[in-house]
């Protein structure tokens, strides 16, 4: 971890954490939330947003050229049973 990562972590950023550390900290928060600490909902949401962002970036790296959407003969939402 570099100096900028430690500064970002000190300011509350989740980006410097590895995926495993992020999952472990989120699970610990979730368990505290389930035990009755209701003020952790927003913090759990913040972890979920970061995990979703990372998953979307990984998907974009694995699939750099997504296929074009297929159009039906009669339009997007119209049935093909004429």
PDB file of N, CA and C in Angstrom:
ATOM      1  N   UNK A   1       0.838  -1.164   0.000  1.00  0.00           N
ATOM      2  CA  UNK A   1       0.000   0.000   0.000  1.00  0.00           C
ATOM      3  C   UNK A   1       0.887   1.232   0.000  1.00  0.00           C
ATOM      4  N   UNK A   2       0.602   2.120  -0.902  1.00  0.00           N
ATOM      5  CA  UNK A   2       1.394   3.326  -0.993  1.00  0.00           C
ATOM      6  C   UNK A   2       0.871   4.415  -0.083  1.00  0.00           C
ATOM      7  N   UNK A   3       1.546   5.533  -0.095  1.00  0.00           N
ATOM      8  CA  UNK A   3       1.167   6.662   0.754  1.00  0.00           C
ATOM      9  C   UNK A   3      -0.212   7.189   0.390  1.00  0.00           C
ATOM     10  N   UNK A   4      -0.516   7.233  -0.917  1.00  0.00           N
ATOM     11  CA  UNK A   4      -1.817   7.750  -1.331  1.00  0.00           C
ATOM     12  C   UNK A   4      -2.944   6.799  -0.952  1.00  0.00           C
ATOM     13  N   UNK A   5      -2.664   5.490  -1.004  1.00  0.00           N
ATOM     14  CA  UNK A   5      -3.672   4.517  -0.584  1.00  0.00           C
ATOM     15  C   UNK A   5      -3.978   4.651   0.905  1.00  0.00           C
ATOM     16  N   UNK A   6      -2.947   4.865   1.716  1.00  0.00           N
ATOM     17  CA  UNK A   6      -3.182   4.996   3.151  1.00  0.00           C
ATOM     18  C   UNK A   6      -3.913   6.295   3.473  1.00  0.00           C
ATOM     19  N   UNK A   7      -3.638   7.366   2.713  1.00  0.00           N
ATOM     20  CA  UNK A   7      -4.374   8.622   2.915  1.00  0.00           C
ATOM     21  C   UNK A   7      -5.828   8.443   2.504  1.00  0.00           C
ATOM     22  N   UNK A   8      -6.061   7.788   1.352  1.00  0.00           N
ATOM     23  CA  UNK A   8      -7.425   7.553   0.885  1.00  0.00           C
ATOM     24  C   UNK A   8      -8.189   6.680   1.875  1.00  0.00           C
ATOM     25  N   UNK A   9      -7.532   5.675   2.409  1.00  0.00           N
ATOM     26  CA  UNK A   9      -8.183   4.785   3.394  1.00  0.00           C
ATOM     27  C   UNK A   9      -8.519   5.565   4.661  1.00  0.00           C
ATOM     28  N   UNK A  10      -7.644   6.455   5.057  1.00  0.00           N
ATOM     29  CA  UNK A  10      -7.899   7.271   6.240  1.00  0.00           C
ATOM     30  C   UNK A  10      -9.075   8.210   6.050  1.00  0.00           C
ATOM     31  N   UNK A  11      -9.303   8.629   4.811  1.00  0.00           N
ATOM     32  CA  UNK A  11     -10.438   9.499   4.509  1.00  0.00           C
ATOM     33  C   UNK A  11     -11.719   8.722   4.234  1.00  0.00           C
ATOM     34  N   UNK A  12     -11.671   7.394   4.298  1.00  0.00           N
ATOM     35  CA  UNK A  12     -12.873   6.593   4.158  1.00  0.00           C
ATOM     36  C   UNK A  12     -13.065   5.938   2.809  1.00  0.00           C
ATOM     37  N   UNK A  13     -12.083   5.994   1.932  1.00  0.00           N
ATOM     38  CA  UNK A  13     -12.216   5.368   0.620  1.00  0.00           C
ATOM     39  C   UNK A  13     -12.049   3.862   0.741  1.00  0.00           C
ATOM     40  N   UNK A  14     -12.809   3.122  -0.058  1.00  0.00           N
ATOM     41  CA  UNK A  14     -12.723   1.662  -0.041  1.00  0.00           C
ATOM     42  C   UNK A  14     -11.858   1.126  -1.177  1.00  0.00           C
ATOM     43  N   UNK A  15     -11.413   1.977  -2.075  1.00  0.00           N
ATOM     44  CA  UNK A  15     -10.661   1.535  -3.252  1.00  0.00           C
ATOM     45  C   UNK A  15      -9.333   0.863  -2.921  1.00  0.00           C
ATOM     46  N   UNK A  16      -8.586   1.287  -1.899  1.00  0.00           N
ATOM     47  CA  UNK A  16      -7.294   0.642  -1.650  1.00  0.00           C
ATOM     48  C   UNK A  16      -7.415  -0.798  -1.133  1.00  0.00           C
ATOM     49  N   UNK A  17      -8.586  -1.210  -0.681  1.00  0.00           N
ATOM     50  CA  UNK A  17      -8.751  -2.554  -0.139  1.00  0.00           C
ATOM     51  C   UNK A  17      -8.754  -3.584  -1.262  1.00  0.00           C
ATOM     52  N   UNK A  18      -8.205  -4.748  -0.971  1.00  0.00           N
ATOM     53  CA  UNK A  18      -8.299  -5.843  -1.935  1.00  0.00           C
ATOM     54  C   UNK A  18      -9.721  -6.400  -1.875  1.00  0.00           C
ATOM     55  N   UNK A  19     -10.054  -7.246  -2.836  1.00  0.00           N
ATOM     56  CA  UNK A  19     -11.405  -7.816  -2.870  1.00  0.00           C
ATOM     57  C   UNK A  19     -11.687  -8.647  -1.619  1.00  0.00           C
ATOM     58  N   UNK A  20     -10.712  -9.423  -1.186  1.00  0.00           N
ATOM     59  CA  UNK A  20     -10.902 -10.265  -0.001  1.00  0.00           C
ATOM     60  C   UNK A  20     -11.082  -9.409   1.250  1.00  0.00           C
ATOM     61  N   UNK A  21     -10.276  -8.349   1.391  1.00  0.00           N
ATOM     62  CA  UNK A  21     -10.421  -7.461   2.556  1.00  0.00           C
ATOM     63  C   UNK A  21     -11.774  -6.762   2.537  1.00  0.00           C
ATOM     64  N   UNK A  22     -12.213  -6.356   1.357  1.00  0.00           N
ATOM     65  CA  UNK A  22     -13.503  -5.689   1.229  1.00  0.00           C
ATOM     66  C   UNK A  22     -14.635  -6.625   1.639  1.00  0.00           C
ATOM     67  N   UNK A  23     -14.586  -7.863   1.175  1.00  0.00           N
ATOM     68  CA  UNK A  23     -15.614  -8.832   1.540  1.00  0.00           C
ATOM     69  C   UNK A  23     -15.602  -9.131   3.035  1.00  0.00           C
ATOM     70  N   UNK A  24     -14.401  -9.263   3.624  1.00  0.00           N
ATOM     71  CA  UNK A  24     -14.303  -9.550   5.054  1.00  0.00           C
ATOM     72  C   UNK A  24     -14.865  -8.403   5.896  1.00  0.00           C
ATOM     73  N   UNK A  25     -14.510  -7.167   5.544  1.00  0.00           N
ATOM     74  CA  UNK A  25     -15.012  -6.022   6.305  1.00  0.00           C
ATOM     75  C   UNK A  25     -16.518  -5.857   6.131  1.00  0.00           C
ATOM     76  N   UNK A  26     -17.023  -6.120   4.927  1.00  0.00           N
ATOM     77  CA  UNK A  26     -18.462  -6.013   4.705  1.00  0.00           C
ATOM     78  C   UNK A  26     -19.218  -7.066   5.516  1.00  0.00           C
ATOM     79  N   UNK A  27     -18.674  -8.276   5.580  1.00  0.00           N
ATOM     80  CA  UNK A  27     -19.318  -9.326   6.352  1.00  0.00           C
ATOM     81  C   UNK A  27     -19.333  -8.978   7.842  1.00  0.00           C
ATOM     82  N   UNK A  28     -18.247  -8.407   8.344  1.00  0.00           N
ATOM     83  CA  UNK A  28     -18.218  -7.994   9.751  1.00  0.00           C
ATOM     84  C   UNK A  28     -19.262  -6.901  10.004  1.00  0.00           C
ATOM     85  N   UNK A  29     -19.387  -5.950   9.080  1.00  0.00           N
ATOM     86  CA  UNK A  29     -20.416  -4.907   9.209  1.00  0.00           C
ATOM     87  C   UNK A  29     -21.815  -5.500   9.155  1.00  0.00           C
ATOM     88  N   UNK A  30     -22.019  -6.452   8.233  1.00  0.00           N
ATOM     89  CA  UNK A  30     -23.338  -7.068   8.103  1.00  0.00           C
ATOM     90  C   UNK A  30     -23.739  -7.790   9.385  1.00  0.00           C
ATOM     91  N   UNK A  31     -22.798  -8.471  10.004  1.00  0.00           N
ATOM     92  CA  UNK A  31     -23.095  -9.178  11.246  1.00  0.00           C
ATOM     93  C   UNK A  31     -23.431  -8.200  12.368  1.00  0.00           C
ATOM     94  N   UNK A  32     -22.716  -7.072  12.435  1.00  0.00           N
ATOM     95  CA  UNK A  32     -23.055  -6.055  13.445  1.00  0.00           C
ATOM     96  C   UNK A  32     -24.424  -5.464  13.173  1.00  0.00           C
ATOM     97  N   UNK A  33     -24.767  -5.262  11.894  1.00  0.00           N
ATOM     98  CA  UNK A  33     -26.068  -4.709  11.516  1.00  0.00           C
ATOM     99  C   UNK A  33     -27.192  -5.671  11.915  1.00  0.00           C
ATOM    100  N   UNK A  34     -26.975  -6.961  11.681  1.00  0.00           N
ATOM    101  CA  UNK A  34     -27.989  -7.963  12.015  1.00  0.00           C
ATOM    102  C   UNK A  34     -28.181  -8.046  13.527  1.00  0.00           C
ATOM    103  N   UNK A  35     -27.133  -7.790  14.289  1.00  0.00           N
ATOM    104  CA  UNK A  35     -27.229  -7.858  15.754  1.00  0.00           C
ATOM    105  C   UNK A  35     -27.947  -6.651  16.357  1.00  0.00           C
ATOM    106  N   UNK A  36     -28.255  -5.657  15.546  1.00  0.00           N
ATOM    107  CA  UNK A  36     -29.056  -4.566  16.082  1.00  0.00           C
ATOM    108  C   UNK A  36     -28.503  -3.170  15.886  1.00  0.00           C
ATOM    109  N   UNK A  37     -27.351  -3.010  15.315  1.00  0.00           N
ATOM    110  CA  UNK A  37     -26.814  -1.671  15.074  1.00  0.00           C
ATOM    111  C   UNK A  37     -27.429  -1.126  13.785  1.00  0.00           C
ATOM    112  N   UNK A  38     -28.541  -0.430  13.910  1.00  0.00           N
ATOM    113  CA  UNK A  38     -29.292  -0.003  12.729  1.00  0.00           C
ATOM    114  C   UNK A  38     -28.640   1.160  11.989  1.00  0.00           C
ATOM    115  N   UNK A  39     -27.648   1.796  12.559  1.00  0.00           N
ATOM    116  CA  UNK A  39     -27.012   2.932  11.899  1.00  0.00           C
ATOM    117  C   UNK A  39     -25.972   2.515  10.865  1.00  0.00           C
ATOM    118  N   UNK A  40     -25.835   1.231  10.588  1.00  0.00           N
ATOM    119  CA  UNK A  40     -24.830   0.745   9.646  1.00  0.00           C
ATOM    120  C   UNK A  40     -25.385   0.507   8.249  1.00  0.00           C
ATOM    121  N   UNK A  41     -26.658   0.803   8.014  1.00  0.00           N
ATOM    122  CA  UNK A  41     -27.273   0.540   6.715  1.00  0.00           C
ATOM    123  C   UNK A  41     -26.562   1.296   5.598  1.00  0.00           C
ATOM    124  N   UNK A  42     -26.284   2.572   5.801  1.00  0.00           N
ATOM    125  CA  UNK A  42     -25.631   3.374   4.771  1.00  0.00           C
ATOM    126  C   UNK A  42     -24.204   2.894   4.506  1.00  0.00           C
ATOM    127  N   UNK A  43     -23.528   2.456   5.541  1.00  0.00           N
ATOM    128  CA  UNK A  43     -22.163   1.941   5.374  1.00  0.00           C
ATOM    129  C   UNK A  43     -22.173   0.637   4.575  1.00  0.00           C
ATOM    130  N   UNK A  44     -23.157  -0.225   4.847  1.00  0.00           N
ATOM    131  CA  UNK A  44     -23.285  -1.454   4.064  1.00  0.00           C
ATOM    132  C   UNK A  44     -23.556  -1.133   2.601  1.00  0.00           C
ATOM    133  N   UNK A  45     -24.393  -0.140   2.353  1.00  0.00           N
ATOM    134  CA  UNK A  45     -24.694   0.267   0.980  1.00  0.00           C
ATOM    135  C   UNK A  45     -23.432   0.777   0.281  1.00  0.00           C
ATOM    136  N   UNK A  46     -22.585   1.485   0.990  1.00  0.00           N
ATOM    137  CA  UNK A  46     -21.341   1.990   0.419  1.00  0.00           C
ATOM    138  C   UNK A  46     -20.425   0.838   0.007  1.00  0.00           C
ATOM    139  N   UNK A  47     -20.358  -0.208   0.829  1.00  0.00           N
ATOM    140  CA  UNK A  47     -19.571  -1.391   0.485  1.00  0.00           C
ATOM    141  C   UNK A  47     -20.174  -2.089  -0.734  1.00  0.00           C
ATOM    142  N   UNK A  48     -21.498  -2.184  -0.789  1.00  0.00           N
ATOM    143  CA  UNK A  48     -22.154  -2.824  -1.926  1.00  0.00           C
ATOM    144  C   UNK A  48     -21.888  -2.066  -3.223  1.00  0.00           C
ATOM    145  N   UNK A  49     -21.910  -0.747  -3.174  1.00  0.00           N
ATOM    146  CA  UNK A  49     -21.642   0.064  -4.359  1.00  0.00           C
ATOM    147  C   UNK A  49     -20.214  -0.185  -4.854  1.00  0.00           C
ATOM    148  N   UNK A  50     -19.261  -0.249  -3.949  1.00  0.00           N
ATOM    149  CA  UNK A  50     -17.869  -0.486  -4.341  1.00  0.00           C
ATOM    150  C   UNK A  50     -17.707  -1.887  -4.929  1.00  0.00           C
ATOM    151  N   UNK A  51     -18.347  -2.886  -4.340  1.00  0.00           N
ATOM    152  CA  UNK A  51     -18.246  -4.250  -4.854  1.00  0.00           C
ATOM    153  C   UNK A  51     -18.891  -4.351  -6.241  1.00  0.00           C
ATOM    154  N   UNK A  52     -19.994  -3.663  -6.451  1.00  0.00           N
ATOM    155  CA  UNK A  52     -20.656  -3.655  -7.754  1.00  0.00           C
ATOM    156  C   UNK A  52     -19.788  -2.961  -8.795  1.00  0.00           C
ATOM    157  N   UNK A  53     -19.163  -1.854  -8.412  1.00  0.00           N
ATOM    158  CA  UNK A  53     -18.278  -1.136  -9.336  1.00  0.00           C
ATOM    159  C   UNK A  53     -17.135  -2.035  -9.784  1.00  0.00           C
ATOM    160  N   UNK A  54     -16.543  -2.760  -8.831  1.00  0.00           N
ATOM    161  CA  UNK A  54     -15.435  -3.651  -9.171  1.00  0.00           C
ATOM    162  C   UNK A  54     -15.892  -4.794 -10.073  1.00  0.00           C
ATOM    163  N   UNK A  55     -17.067  -5.346  -9.801  1.00  0.00           N
ATOM    164  CA  UNK A  55     -17.580  -6.429 -10.633  1.00  0.00           C
ATOM    165  C   UNK A  55     -17.857  -5.934 -12.051  1.00  0.00           C
ATOM    166  N   UNK A  56     -18.402  -4.731 -12.187  1.00  0.00           N
ATOM    167  CA  UNK A  56     -18.670  -4.178 -13.513  1.00  0.00           C
ATOM    168  C   UNK A  56     -17.377  -3.908 -14.271  1.00  0.00           C
ATOM    169  N   UNK A  57     -16.350  -3.429 -13.592  1.00  0.00           N
ATOM    170  CA  UNK A  57     -15.066  -3.199 -14.246  1.00  0.00           C
ATOM    171  C   UNK A  57     -14.441  -4.515 -14.701  1.00  0.00           C
ATOM    172  N   UNK A  58     -14.547  -5.554 -13.877  1.00  0.00           N
ATOM    173  CA  UNK A  58     -13.995  -6.857 -14.250  1.00  0.00           C
ATOM    174  C   UNK A  58     -14.732  -7.414 -15.465  1.00  0.00           C
ATOM    175  N   UNK A  59     -16.042  -7.262 -15.499  1.00  0.00           N
ATOM    176  CA  UNK A  59     -16.821  -7.736 -16.642  1.00  0.00           C
ATOM    177  C   UNK A  59     -16.433  -6.971 -17.903  1.00  0.00           C
ATOM    178  N   UNK A  60     -16.242  -5.670 -17.788  1.00  0.00           N
ATOM    179  CA  UNK A  60     -15.874  -4.860 -18.948  1.00  0.00           C
ATOM    180  C   UNK A  60     -14.485  -5.245 -19.474  1.00  0.00           C
ATOM    181  N   UNK A  61     -13.590  -5.627 -18.571  1.00  0.00           N
ATOM    182  CA  UNK A  61     -12.259  -6.074 -19.014  1.00  0.00           C
ATOM    183  C   UNK A  61     -12.343  -7.418 -19.741  1.00  0.00           C
ATOM    184  N   UNK A  62     -13.205  -8.305 -19.253  1.00  0.00           N
ATOM    185  CA  UNK A  62     -13.326  -9.632 -19.855  1.00  0.00           C
ATOM    186  C   UNK A  62     -14.097  -9.609 -21.169  1.00  0.00           C
ATOM    187  N   UNK A  63     -14.996  -8.656 -21.339  1.00  0.00           N
ATOM    188  CA  UNK A  63     -15.828  -8.564 -22.541  1.00  0.00           C
ATOM    189  C   UNK A  63     -15.670  -7.167 -23.145  1.00  0.00           C
ATOM    190  N   UNK A  64     -14.542  -6.913 -23.819  1.00  0.00           N
ATOM    191  CA  UNK A  64     -14.288  -5.553 -24.300  1.00  0.00           C
ATOM    192  C   UNK A  64     -15.211  -5.118 -25.437  1.00  0.00           C
ATOM    193  N   UNK A  65     -15.686  -6.040 -26.266  1.00  0.00           N
ATOM    194  CA  UNK A  65     -16.551  -5.694 -27.394  1.00  0.00           C
ATOM    195  C   UNK A  65     -17.894  -6.411 -27.239  1.00  0.00           C
ATOM    196  N   UNK A  66     -18.843  -5.795 -26.549  1.00  0.00           N
ATOM    197  CA  UNK A  66     -20.125  -6.471 -26.362  1.00  0.00           C
ATOM    198  C   UNK A  66     -20.850  -6.612 -27.694  1.00  0.00           C
ATOM    199  N   UNK A  67     -21.642  -7.658 -27.863  1.00  0.00           N
ATOM    200  CA  UNK A  67     -22.358  -7.846 -29.120  1.00  0.00           C
ATOM    201  C   UNK A  67     -23.438  -6.775 -29.297  1.00  0.00           C
ATOM    202  N   UNK A  68     -23.766  -6.519 -30.550  1.00  0.00           N
ATOM    203  CA  UNK A  68     -24.825  -5.560 -30.846  1.00  0.00           C
ATOM    204  C   UNK A  68     -26.165  -6.155 -30.441  1.00  0.00           C
ATOM    205  N   UNK A  69     -27.098  -5.326 -29.984  1.00  0.00           N
ATOM    206  CA  UNK A  69     -28.412  -5.865 -29.633  1.00  0.00           C
ATOM    207  C   UNK A  69     -29.125  -6.384 -30.877  1.00  0.00           C
ATOM    208  N   UNK A  70     -29.813  -7.497 -30.725  1.00  0.00           N
ATOM    209  CA  UNK A  70     -30.537  -8.082 -31.845  1.00  0.00           C
ATOM    210  C   UNK A  70     -31.937  -7.494 -31.895  1.00  0.00           C
ATOM    211  N   UNK A  71     -32.337  -7.062 -33.077  1.00  0.00           N
ATOM    212  CA  UNK A  71     -33.675  -6.513 -33.261  1.00  0.00           C
ATOM    213  C   UNK A  71     -34.566  -7.579 -33.877  1.00  0.00           C
ATOM    214  N   UNK A  72     -35.778  -7.614 -33.413  1.00  0.00           N
ATOM    215  CA  UNK A  72     -36.733  -8.552 -33.977  1.00  0.00           C
ATOM    216  C   UNK A  72     -37.261  -8.007 -35.291  1.00  0.00           C
ATOM    217  N   UNK A  73     -37.910  -8.843 -36.030  1.00  0.00           N
ATOM    218  CA  UNK A  73     -38.401  -8.467 -37.351  1.00  0.00           C
ATOM    219  C   UNK A  73     -39.401  -7.319 -37.284  1.00  0.00           C
ATOM    220  N   UNK A  74     -40.249  -7.318 -36.241  1.00  0.00           N
ATOM    221  CA  UNK A  74     -41.314  -6.328 -36.141  1.00  0.00           C
ATOM    222  C   UNK A  74     -41.018  -5.234 -35.112  1.00  0.00           C
ATOM    223  N   UNK A  75     -39.826  -5.153 -34.621  1.00  0.00           N
ATOM    224  CA  UNK A  75     -39.480  -4.139 -33.642  1.00  0.00           C
ATOM    225  C   UNK A  75     -39.009  -4.758 -32.349  1.00  0.00           C
ATOM    226  N   UNK A  76     -38.741  -3.917 -31.400  1.00  0.00           N
ATOM    227  CA  UNK A  76     -38.171  -4.370 -30.136  1.00  0.00           C
ATOM    228  C   UNK A  76     -39.130  -5.217 -29.311  1.00  0.00           C
ATOM    229  N   UNK A  77     -40.342  -4.740 -29.110  1.00  0.00           N
ATOM    230  CA  UNK A  77     -41.231  -5.390 -28.145  1.00  0.00           C
ATOM    231  C   UNK A  77     -42.456  -6.010 -28.774  1.00  0.00           C
ATOM    232  N   UNK A  78     -42.499  -6.093 -30.088  1.00  0.00           N
ATOM    233  CA  UNK A  78     -43.668  -6.657 -30.756  1.00  0.00           C
ATOM    234  C   UNK A  78     -43.455  -8.152 -30.986  1.00  0.00           C
ATOM    235  N   UNK A  79     -44.494  -8.940 -30.874  1.00  0.00           N
ATOM    236  CA  UNK A  79     -44.356 -10.383 -31.077  1.00  0.00           C
ATOM    237  C   UNK A  79     -44.139 -10.715 -32.559  1.00  0.00           C
ATOM    238  N   UNK A  80     -43.560 -11.885 -32.823  1.00  0.00           N
ATOM    239  CA  UNK A  80     -43.297 -12.324 -34.194  1.00  0.00           C
ATOM    240  C   UNK A  80     -44.411 -13.218 -34.738  1.00  0.00           C
ATOM    241  N   UNK A  81     -45.494 -13.346 -34.044  1.00  0.00           N
ATOM    242  CA  UNK A  81     -46.566 -14.233 -34.503  1.00  0.00           C
ATOM    243  C   UNK A  81     -47.588 -13.486 -35.349  1.00  0.00           C
ATOM    244  N   UNK A  82     -47.327 -13.362 -36.648  1.00  0.00           N
ATOM    245  CA  UNK A  82     -48.315 -12.705 -37.503  1.00  0.00           C
ATOM    246  C   UNK A  82     -49.209 -13.735 -38.106  1.00  0.00           C
TER     247      UNK A  82
END
